[in-house]
Amino acid sequence: EGNEPGDSVKITYSELLHRVCQFANVLRSQGVKKGDRVSIYLPMILELVVAMLACARIGALHSIVFAGFSADSLCERILDCGCSLLIT
């Protein structure tokens, strides 16, 4: 469920697994590997869950920064965790 009332999406576990595996392959193609740090800067949408699970699937650490944060706050979090990729 999203931030707005009535904003929801329903998918099956099979569909979720397919999307997670696809995105995990995208992360691998970008050079992300086990132990790397990835920041995720997205609102409460399905793609946030997919990105988070894809990171976990390949063993990458993820840090979620919600989309309401300012650019300066995002920059500080990226520098603090030393992430190698930002997903927006």
PDB file of N, CA and C in Angstrom:
ATOM      1  N   GLU A   1       0.842  -1.184   0.000  1.00  0.00           N
ATOM      2  CA  GLU A   1       0.000   0.000   0.000  1.00  0.00           C
ATOM      3  C   GLU A   1       0.879   1.237   0.000  1.00  0.00           C
ATOM      4  N   GLY A   2       0.457   2.242  -0.749  1.00  0.00           N
ATOM      5  CA  GLY A   2       1.220   3.477  -0.861  1.00  0.00           C
ATOM      6  C   GLY A   2       0.848   4.486   0.204  1.00  0.00           C
ATOM      7  N   ASN A   3       1.304   5.696   0.009  1.00  0.00           N
ATOM      8  CA  ASN A   3       1.053   6.768   0.972  1.00  0.00           C
ATOM      9  C   ASN A   3      -0.375   7.295   0.899  1.00  0.00           C
ATOM     10  N   GLU A   4      -0.952   7.306  -0.296  1.00  0.00           N
ATOM     11  CA  GLU A   4      -2.294   7.837  -0.483  1.00  0.00           C
ATOM     12  C   GLU A   4      -3.340   6.760  -0.200  1.00  0.00           C
ATOM     13  N   PRO A   5      -4.455   7.147   0.428  1.00  0.00           N
ATOM     14  CA  PRO A   5      -5.526   6.167   0.648  1.00  0.00           C
ATOM     15  C   PRO A   5      -6.029   5.622  -0.691  1.00  0.00           C
ATOM     16  N   GLY A   6      -6.203   4.333  -0.745  1.00  0.00           N
ATOM     17  CA  GLY A   6      -6.680   3.715  -1.976  1.00  0.00           C
ATOM     18  C   GLY A   6      -5.582   3.431  -2.985  1.00  0.00           C
ATOM     19  N   ASP A   7      -4.353   3.829  -2.689  1.00  0.00           N
ATOM     20  CA  ASP A   7      -3.227   3.606  -3.586  1.00  0.00           C
ATOM     21  C   ASP A   7      -2.571   2.279  -3.219  1.00  0.00           C
ATOM     22  N   SER A   8      -2.951   1.222  -3.938  1.00  0.00           N
ATOM     23  CA  SER A   8      -2.408  -0.098  -3.621  1.00  0.00           C
ATOM     24  C   SER A   8      -2.230  -0.899  -4.906  1.00  0.00           C
ATOM     25  N   VAL A   9      -1.356  -1.881  -4.826  1.00  0.00           N
ATOM     26  CA  VAL A   9      -1.084  -2.775  -5.949  1.00  0.00           C
ATOM     27  C   VAL A   9      -1.079  -4.198  -5.414  1.00  0.00           C
ATOM     28  N   LYS A  10      -1.669  -5.115  -6.145  1.00  0.00           N
ATOM     29  CA  LYS A  10      -1.654  -6.518  -5.748  1.00  0.00           C
ATOM     30  C   LYS A  10      -0.907  -7.309  -6.817  1.00  0.00           C
ATOM     31  N   ILE A  11       0.104  -8.086  -6.365  1.00  0.00           N
ATOM     32  CA  ILE A  11       0.808  -8.977  -7.262  1.00  0.00           C
ATOM     33  C   ILE A  11       0.994 -10.313  -6.561  1.00  0.00           C
ATOM     34  N   THR A  12       1.253 -11.348  -7.338  1.00  0.00           N
ATOM     35  CA  THR A  12       1.463 -12.664  -6.752  1.00  0.00           C
ATOM     36  C   THR A  12       2.928 -12.796  -6.325  1.00  0.00           C
ATOM     37  N   TYR A  13       3.208 -13.808  -5.520  1.00  0.00           N
ATOM     38  CA  TYR A  13       4.588 -14.078  -5.127  1.00  0.00           C
ATOM     39  C   TYR A  13       5.432 -14.387  -6.358  1.00  0.00           C
ATOM     40  N   SER A  14       4.853 -15.082  -7.317  1.00  0.00           N
ATOM     41  CA  SER A  14       5.570 -15.433  -8.542  1.00  0.00           C
ATOM     42  C   SER A  14       5.952 -14.174  -9.334  1.00  0.00           C
ATOM     43  N   GLU A  15       5.027 -13.232  -9.437  1.00  0.00           N
ATOM     44  CA  GLU A  15       5.311 -11.969 -10.137  1.00  0.00           C
ATOM     45  C   GLU A  15       6.386 -11.179  -9.396  1.00  0.00           C
ATOM     46  N   LEU A  16       6.299 -11.166  -8.070  1.00  0.00           N
ATOM     47  CA  LEU A  16       7.300 -10.460  -7.270  1.00  0.00           C
ATOM     48  C   LEU A  16       8.673 -11.092  -7.456  1.00  0.00           C
ATOM     49  N   LEU A  17       8.744 -12.418  -7.404  1.00  0.00           N
ATOM     50  CA  LEU A  17      10.012 -13.112  -7.602  1.00  0.00           C
ATOM     51  C   LEU A  17      10.600 -12.789  -8.973  1.00  0.00           C
ATOM     52  N   HIS A  18       9.777 -12.775 -10.003  1.00  0.00           N
ATOM     53  CA  HIS A  18      10.231 -12.458 -11.355  1.00  0.00           C
ATOM     54  C   HIS A  18      10.827 -11.051 -11.413  1.00  0.00           C
ATOM     55  N   ARG A  19      10.135 -10.082 -10.836  1.00  0.00           N
ATOM     56  CA  ARG A  19      10.632  -8.696 -10.842  1.00  0.00           C
ATOM     57  C   ARG A  19      11.923  -8.553 -10.041  1.00  0.00           C
ATOM     58  N   VAL A  20      11.986  -9.225  -8.889  1.00  0.00           N
ATOM     59  CA  VAL A  20      13.181  -9.157  -8.040  1.00  0.00           C
ATOM     60  C   VAL A  20      14.377  -9.763  -8.770  1.00  0.00           C
ATOM     61  N   CYS A  21      14.189 -10.909  -9.404  1.00  0.00           N
ATOM     62  CA  CYS A  21      15.285 -11.544 -10.146  1.00  0.00           C
ATOM     63  C   CYS A  21      15.736 -10.677 -11.316  1.00  0.00           C
ATOM     64  N   GLN A  22      14.794 -10.059 -12.015  1.00  0.00           N
ATOM     65  CA  GLN A  22      15.149  -9.147 -13.108  1.00  0.00           C
ATOM     66  C   GLN A  22      15.997  -7.991 -12.596  1.00  0.00           C
ATOM     67  N   PHE A  23      15.564  -7.390 -11.507  1.00  0.00           N
ATOM     68  CA  PHE A  23      16.298  -6.230 -10.992  1.00  0.00           C
ATOM     69  C   PHE A  23      17.632  -6.634 -10.386  1.00  0.00           C
ATOM     70  N   ALA A  24      17.704  -7.822  -9.803  1.00  0.00           N
ATOM     71  CA  ALA A  24      18.982  -8.320  -9.291  1.00  0.00           C
ATOM     72  C   ALA A  24      19.975  -8.466 -10.437  1.00  0.00           C
ATOM     73  N   ASN A  25      19.511  -8.912 -11.598  1.00  0.00           N
ATOM     74  CA  ASN A  25      20.375  -9.010 -12.774  1.00  0.00           C
ATOM     75  C   ASN A  25      20.820  -7.633 -13.258  1.00  0.00           C
ATOM     76  N   VAL A  26      19.940  -6.648 -13.162  1.00  0.00           N
ATOM     77  CA  VAL A  26      20.312  -5.276 -13.520  1.00  0.00           C
ATOM     78  C   VAL A  26      21.413  -4.777 -12.579  1.00  0.00           C
ATOM     79  N   LEU A  27      21.248  -5.026 -11.289  1.00  0.00           N
ATOM     80  CA  LEU A  27      22.268  -4.604 -10.323  1.00  0.00           C
ATOM     81  C   LEU A  27      23.600  -5.285 -10.613  1.00  0.00           C
ATOM     82  N   ARG A  28      23.568  -6.578 -10.895  1.00  0.00           N
ATOM     83  CA  ARG A  28      24.804  -7.303 -11.226  1.00  0.00           C
ATOM     84  C   ARG A  28      25.459  -6.722 -12.472  1.00  0.00           C
ATOM     85  N   SER A  29      24.646  -6.363 -13.474  1.00  0.00           N
ATOM     86  CA  SER A  29      25.202  -5.798 -14.708  1.00  0.00           C
ATOM     87  C   SER A  29      25.847  -4.432 -14.469  1.00  0.00           C
ATOM     88  N   GLN A  30      25.445  -3.761 -13.382  1.00  0.00           N
ATOM     89  CA  GLN A  30      26.043  -2.478 -13.012  1.00  0.00           C
ATOM     90  C   GLN A  30      27.251  -2.662 -12.103  1.00  0.00           C
ATOM     91  N   GLY A  31      27.615  -3.909 -11.843  1.00  0.00           N
ATOM     92  CA  GLY A  31      28.803  -4.195 -11.051  1.00  0.00           C
ATOM     93  C   GLY A  31      28.572  -4.328  -9.559  1.00  0.00           C
ATOM     94  N   VAL A  32      27.327  -4.348  -9.125  1.00  0.00           N
ATOM     95  CA  VAL A  32      27.026  -4.497  -7.700  1.00  0.00           C
ATOM     96  C   VAL A  32      27.222  -5.960  -7.317  1.00  0.00           C
ATOM     97  N   LYS A  33      27.934  -6.193  -6.228  1.00  0.00           N
ATOM     98  CA  LYS A  33      28.198  -7.553  -5.776  1.00  0.00           C
ATOM     99  C   LYS A  33      27.978  -7.653  -4.274  1.00  0.00           C
ATOM    100  N   LYS A  34      28.132  -8.861  -3.761  1.00  0.00           N
ATOM    101  CA  LYS A  34      27.921  -9.113  -2.346  1.00  0.00           C
ATOM    102  C   LYS A  34      28.805  -8.196  -1.505  1.00  0.00           C
ATOM    103  N   GLY A  35      28.205  -7.564  -0.506  1.00  0.00           N
ATOM    104  CA  GLY A  35      28.934  -6.665   0.391  1.00  0.00           C
ATOM    105  C   GLY A  35      28.935  -5.209  -0.036  1.00  0.00           C
ATOM    106  N   ASP A  36      28.569  -4.918  -1.294  1.00  0.00           N
ATOM    107  CA  ASP A  36      28.482  -3.520  -1.737  1.00  0.00           C
ATOM    108  C   ASP A  36      27.320  -2.827  -1.048  1.00  0.00           C
ATOM    109  N   ARG A  37      27.396  -1.501  -0.983  1.00  0.00           N
ATOM    110  CA  ARG A  37      26.329  -0.716  -0.361  1.00  0.00           C
ATOM    111  C   ARG A  37      25.552   0.030  -1.438  1.00  0.00           C
ATOM    112  N   VAL A  38      24.235  -0.030  -1.342  1.00  0.00           N
ATOM    113  CA  VAL A  38      23.342   0.596  -2.309  1.00  0.00           C
ATOM    114  C   VAL A  38      22.351   1.467  -1.559  1.00  0.00           C
ATOM    115  N   SER A  39      22.177   2.709  -2.009  1.00  0.00           N
ATOM    116  CA  SER A  39      21.151   3.582  -1.434  1.00  0.00           C
ATOM    117  C   SER A  39      19.928   3.562  -2.342  1.00  0.00           C
ATOM    118  N   ILE A  40      18.759   3.544  -1.731  1.00  0.00           N
ATOM    119  CA  ILE A  40      17.496   3.533  -2.470  1.00  0.00           C
ATOM    120  C   ILE A  40      16.724   4.789  -2.083  1.00  0.00           C
ATOM    121  N   TYR A  41      16.436   5.639  -3.068  1.00  0.00           N
ATOM    122  CA  TYR A  41      15.747   6.913  -2.846  1.00  0.00           C
ATOM    123  C   TYR A  41      14.449   6.898  -3.651  1.00  0.00           C
ATOM    124  N   LEU A  42      13.404   6.322  -3.058  1.00  0.00           N
ATOM    125  CA  LEU A  42      12.120   6.154  -3.743  1.00  0.00           C
ATOM    126  C   LEU A  42      10.963   6.420  -2.784  1.00  0.00           C
ATOM    127  N   PRO A  43       9.814   6.808  -3.330  1.00  0.00           N
ATOM    128  CA  PRO A  43       8.614   6.900  -2.487  1.00  0.00           C
ATOM    129  C   PRO A  43       8.090   5.490  -2.213  1.00  0.00           C
ATOM    130  N   MET A  44       6.999   5.391  -1.480  1.00  0.00           N
ATOM    131  CA  MET A  44       6.410   4.090  -1.137  1.00  0.00           C
ATOM    132  C   MET A  44       5.677   3.521  -2.355  1.00  0.00           C
ATOM    133  N   ILE A  45       6.451   2.885  -3.246  1.00  0.00           N
ATOM    134  CA  ILE A  45       5.902   2.252  -4.430  1.00  0.00           C
ATOM    135  C   ILE A  45       6.443   0.828  -4.496  1.00  0.00           C
ATOM    136  N   LEU A  46       5.864   0.022  -5.350  1.00  0.00           N
ATOM    137  CA  LEU A  46       6.263  -1.369  -5.478  1.00  0.00           C
ATOM    138  C   LEU A  46       7.751  -1.508  -5.830  1.00  0.00           C
ATOM    139  N   GLU A  47       8.265  -0.597  -6.633  1.00  0.00           N
ATOM    140  CA  GLU A  47       9.657  -0.673  -7.059  1.00  0.00           C
ATOM    141  C   GLU A  47      10.628  -0.552  -5.877  1.00  0.00           C
ATOM    142  N   LEU A  48      10.214   0.122  -4.809  1.00  0.00           N
ATOM    143  CA  LEU A  48      11.037   0.206  -3.604  1.00  0.00           C
ATOM    144  C   LEU A  48      11.234  -1.191  -3.005  1.00  0.00           C
ATOM    145  N   VAL A  49      10.166  -1.948  -2.900  1.00  0.00           N
ATOM    146  CA  VAL A  49      10.237  -3.301  -2.355  1.00  0.00           C
ATOM    147  C   VAL A  49      11.069  -4.194  -3.272  1.00  0.00           C
ATOM    148  N   VAL A  50      10.867  -4.068  -4.575  1.00  0.00           N
ATOM    149  CA  VAL A  50      11.631  -4.867  -5.541  1.00  0.00           C
ATOM    150  C   VAL A  50      13.116  -4.569  -5.423  1.00  0.00           C
ATOM    151  N   ALA A  51      13.487  -3.286  -5.348  1.00  0.00           N
ATOM    152  CA  ALA A  51      14.899  -2.906  -5.234  1.00  0.00           C
ATOM    153  C   ALA A  51      15.508  -3.425  -3.934  1.00  0.00           C
ATOM    154  N   MET A  52      14.780  -3.307  -2.847  1.00  0.00           N
ATOM    155  CA  MET A  52      15.269  -3.772  -1.549  1.00  0.00           C
ATOM    156  C   MET A  52      15.499  -5.284  -1.562  1.00  0.00           C
ATOM    157  N   LEU A  53      14.545  -6.042  -2.081  1.00  0.00           N
ATOM    158  CA  LEU A  53      14.671  -7.495  -2.128  1.00  0.00           C
ATOM    159  C   LEU A  53      15.747  -7.942  -3.118  1.00  0.00           C
ATOM    160  N   ALA A  54      15.926  -7.197  -4.208  1.00  0.00           N
ATOM    161  CA  ALA A  54      16.976  -7.528  -5.175  1.00  0.00           C
ATOM    162  C   ALA A  54      18.354  -7.347  -4.541  1.00  0.00           C
ATOM    163  N   CYS A  55      18.522  -6.289  -3.751  1.00  0.00           N
ATOM    164  CA  CYS A  55      19.789  -6.090  -3.035  1.00  0.00           C
ATOM    165  C   CYS A  55      20.040  -7.255  -2.087  1.00  0.00           C
ATOM    166  N   ALA A  56      19.024  -7.639  -1.346  1.00  0.00           N
ATOM    167  CA  ALA A  56      19.164  -8.746  -0.407  1.00  0.00           C
ATOM    168  C   ALA A  56      19.467 -10.046  -1.138  1.00  0.00           C
ATOM    169  N   ARG A  57      18.888 -10.223  -2.298  1.00  0.00           N
ATOM    170  CA  ARG A  57      19.082 -11.453  -3.070  1.00  0.00           C
ATOM    171  C   ARG A  57      20.535 -11.638  -3.493  1.00  0.00           C
ATOM    172  N   ILE A  58      21.228 -10.542  -3.833  1.00  0.00           N
ATOM    173  CA  ILE A  58      22.620 -10.675  -4.266  1.00  0.00           C
ATOM    174  C   ILE A  58      23.609 -10.422  -3.131  1.00  0.00           C
ATOM    175  N   GLY A  59      23.092 -10.098  -1.948  1.00  0.00           N
ATOM    176  CA  GLY A  59      23.962  -9.910  -0.789  1.00  0.00           C
ATOM    177  C   GLY A  59      24.500  -8.502  -0.635  1.00  0.00           C
ATOM    178  N   ALA A  60      23.916  -7.550  -1.331  1.00  0.00           N
ATOM    179  CA  ALA A  60      24.321  -6.153  -1.194  1.00  0.00           C
ATOM    180  C   ALA A  60      23.566  -5.520  -0.031  1.00  0.00           C
ATOM    181  N   LEU A  61      24.227  -4.656   0.695  1.00  0.00           N
ATOM    182  CA  LEU A  61      23.576  -3.931   1.787  1.00  0.00           C
ATOM    183  C   LEU A  61      22.800  -2.774   1.197  1.00  0.00           C
ATOM    184  N   HIS A  62      21.620  -2.509   1.727  1.00  0.00           N
ATOM    185  CA  HIS A  62      20.836  -1.398   1.201  1.00  0.00           C
ATOM    186  C   HIS A  62      20.469  -0.424   2.316  1.00  0.00           C
ATOM    187  N   SER A  63      20.375   0.832   1.926  1.00  0.00           N
ATOM    188  CA  SER A  63      19.971   1.894   2.831  1.00  0.00           C
ATOM    189  C   SER A  63      18.831   2.652   2.151  1.00  0.00           C
ATOM    190  N   ILE A  64      17.676   2.656   2.786  1.00  0.00           N
ATOM    191  CA  ILE A  64      16.514   3.324   2.203  1.00  0.00           C
ATOM    192  C   ILE A  64      16.441   4.755   2.717  1.00  0.00           C
ATOM    193  N   VAL A  65      16.406   5.698   1.782  1.00  0.00           N
ATOM    194  CA  VAL A  65      16.230   7.112   2.104  1.00  0.00           C
ATOM    195  C   VAL A  65      14.908   7.517   1.467  1.00  0.00           C
ATOM    196  N   PHE A  66      13.911   7.845   2.272  1.00  0.00           N
ATOM    197  CA  PHE A  66      12.603   8.146   1.724  1.00  0.00           C
ATOM    198  C   PHE A  66      12.628   9.435   0.909  1.00  0.00           C
ATOM    199  N   ALA A  67      11.786   9.459  -0.105  1.00  0.00           N
ATOM    200  CA  ALA A  67      11.811  10.507  -1.118  1.00  0.00           C
ATOM    201  C   ALA A  67      11.520  11.903  -0.573  1.00  0.00           C
ATOM    202  N   GLY A  68      11.031  12.029   0.642  1.00  0.00           N
ATOM    203  CA  GLY A  68      10.746  13.339   1.208  1.00  0.00           C
ATOM    204  C   GLY A  68      11.983  14.075   1.703  1.00  0.00           C
ATOM    205  N   PHE A  69      13.119  13.410   1.762  1.00  0.00           N
ATOM    206  CA  PHE A  69      14.352  14.036   2.259  1.00  0.00           C
ATOM    207  C   PHE A  69      14.920  14.993   1.217  1.00  0.00           C
ATOM    208  N   SER A  70      15.614  16.013   1.689  1.00  0.00           N
ATOM    209  CA  SER A  70      16.209  16.998   0.790  1.00  0.00           C
ATOM    210  C   SER A  70      17.448  16.424   0.117  1.00  0.00           C
ATOM    211  N   ALA A  71      17.935  17.112  -0.901  1.00  0.00           N
ATOM    212  CA  ALA A  71      19.142  16.686  -1.613  1.00  0.00           C
ATOM    213  C   ALA A  71      20.340  16.663  -0.675  1.00  0.00           C
ATOM    214  N   ASP A  72      20.422  17.647   0.238  1.00  0.00           N
ATOM    215  CA  ASP A  72      21.542  17.682   1.181  1.00  0.00           C
ATOM    216  C   ASP A  72      21.515  16.479   2.128  1.00  0.00           C
ATOM    217  N   SER A  73      20.327  16.132   2.616  1.00  0.00           N
ATOM    218  CA  SER A  73      20.200  14.971   3.499  1.00  0.00           C
ATOM    219  C   SER A  73      20.562  13.689   2.768  1.00  0.00           C
ATOM    220  N   LEU A  74      20.128  13.589   1.519  1.00  0.00           N
ATOM    221  CA  LEU A  74      20.463  12.422   0.716  1.00  0.00           C
ATOM    222  C   LEU A  74      21.974  12.330   0.518  1.00  0.00           C
ATOM    223  N   CYS A  75      22.601  13.448   0.213  1.00  0.00           N
ATOM    224  CA  CYS A  75      24.052  13.485   0.014  1.00  0.00           C
ATOM    225  C   CYS A  75      24.794  13.024   1.261  1.00  0.00           C
ATOM    226  N   GLU A  76      24.376  13.498   2.419  1.00  0.00           N
ATOM    227  CA  GLU A  76      25.018  13.098   3.674  1.00  0.00           C
ATOM    228  C   GLU A  76      24.907  11.596   3.905  1.00  0.00           C
ATOM    229  N   ARG A  77      23.751  11.041   3.631  1.00  0.00           N
ATOM    230  CA  ARG A  77      23.560   9.605   3.840  1.00  0.00           C
ATOM    231  C   ARG A  77      24.384   8.784   2.858  1.00  0.00           C
ATOM    232  N   ILE A  78      24.491   9.245   1.619  1.00  0.00           N
ATOM    233  CA  ILE A  78      25.301   8.546   0.628  1.00  0.00           C
ATOM    234  C   ILE A  78      26.763   8.542   1.058  1.00  0.00           C
ATOM    235  N   LEU A  79      27.249   9.684   1.498  1.00  0.00           N
ATOM    236  CA  LEU A  79      28.644   9.786   1.914  1.00  0.00           C
ATOM    237  C   LEU A  79      28.907   8.987   3.188  1.00  0.00           C
ATOM    238  N   ASP A  80      27.971   9.017   4.127  1.00  0.00           N
ATOM    239  CA  ASP A  80      28.148   8.294   5.384  1.00  0.00           C
ATOM    240  C   ASP A  80      28.240   6.780   5.181  1.00  0.00           C
ATOM    241  N   CYS A  81      27.420   6.254   4.304  1.00  0.00           N
ATOM    242  CA  CYS A  81      27.428   4.797   4.124  1.00  0.00           C
ATOM    243  C   CYS A  81      28.391   4.353   3.039  1.00  0.00           C
ATOM    244  N   GLY A  82      28.910   5.284   2.257  1.00  0.00           N
ATOM    245  CA  GLY A  82      29.868   4.929   1.203  1.00  0.00           C
ATOM    246  C   GLY A  82      29.251   4.048   0.126  1.00  0.00           C
ATOM    247  N   CYS A  83      28.048   4.402  -0.297  1.00  0.00           N
ATOM    248  CA  CYS A  83      27.353   3.547  -1.263  1.00  0.00           C
ATOM    249  C   CYS A  83      27.998   3.630  -2.639  1.00  0.00           C
ATOM    250  N   SER A  84      27.856   2.531  -3.380  1.00  0.00           N
ATOM    251  CA  SER A  84      28.419   2.463  -4.716  1.00  0.00           C
ATOM    252  C   SER A  84      27.379   2.706  -5.794  1.00  0.00           C
ATOM    253  N   LEU A  85      26.087   2.722  -5.415  1.00  0.00           N
ATOM    254  CA  LEU A  85      25.021   2.928  -6.378  1.00  0.00           C
ATOM    255  C   LEU A  85      23.834   3.576  -5.691  1.00  0.00           C
ATOM    256  N   LEU A  86      23.164   4.479  -6.408  1.00  0.00           N
ATOM    257  CA  LEU A  86      21.942   5.117  -5.912  1.00  0.00           C
ATOM    258  C   LEU A  86      20.806   4.743  -6.848  1.00  0.00           C
ATOM    259  N   ILE A  87      19.754   4.191  -6.281  1.00  0.00           N
ATOM    260  CA  ILE A  87      18.562   3.833  -7.076  1.00  0.00           C
ATOM    261  C   ILE A  87      17.508   4.897  -6.824  1.00  0.00           C
ATOM    262  N   THR A  88      17.039   5.533  -7.900  1.00  0.00           N
ATOM    263  CA  THR A  88      15.998   6.551  -7.777  1.00  0.00           C
ATOM    264  C   THR A  88      14.836   6.217  -8.663  1.00  0.00           C
TER     265      THR A  88
END
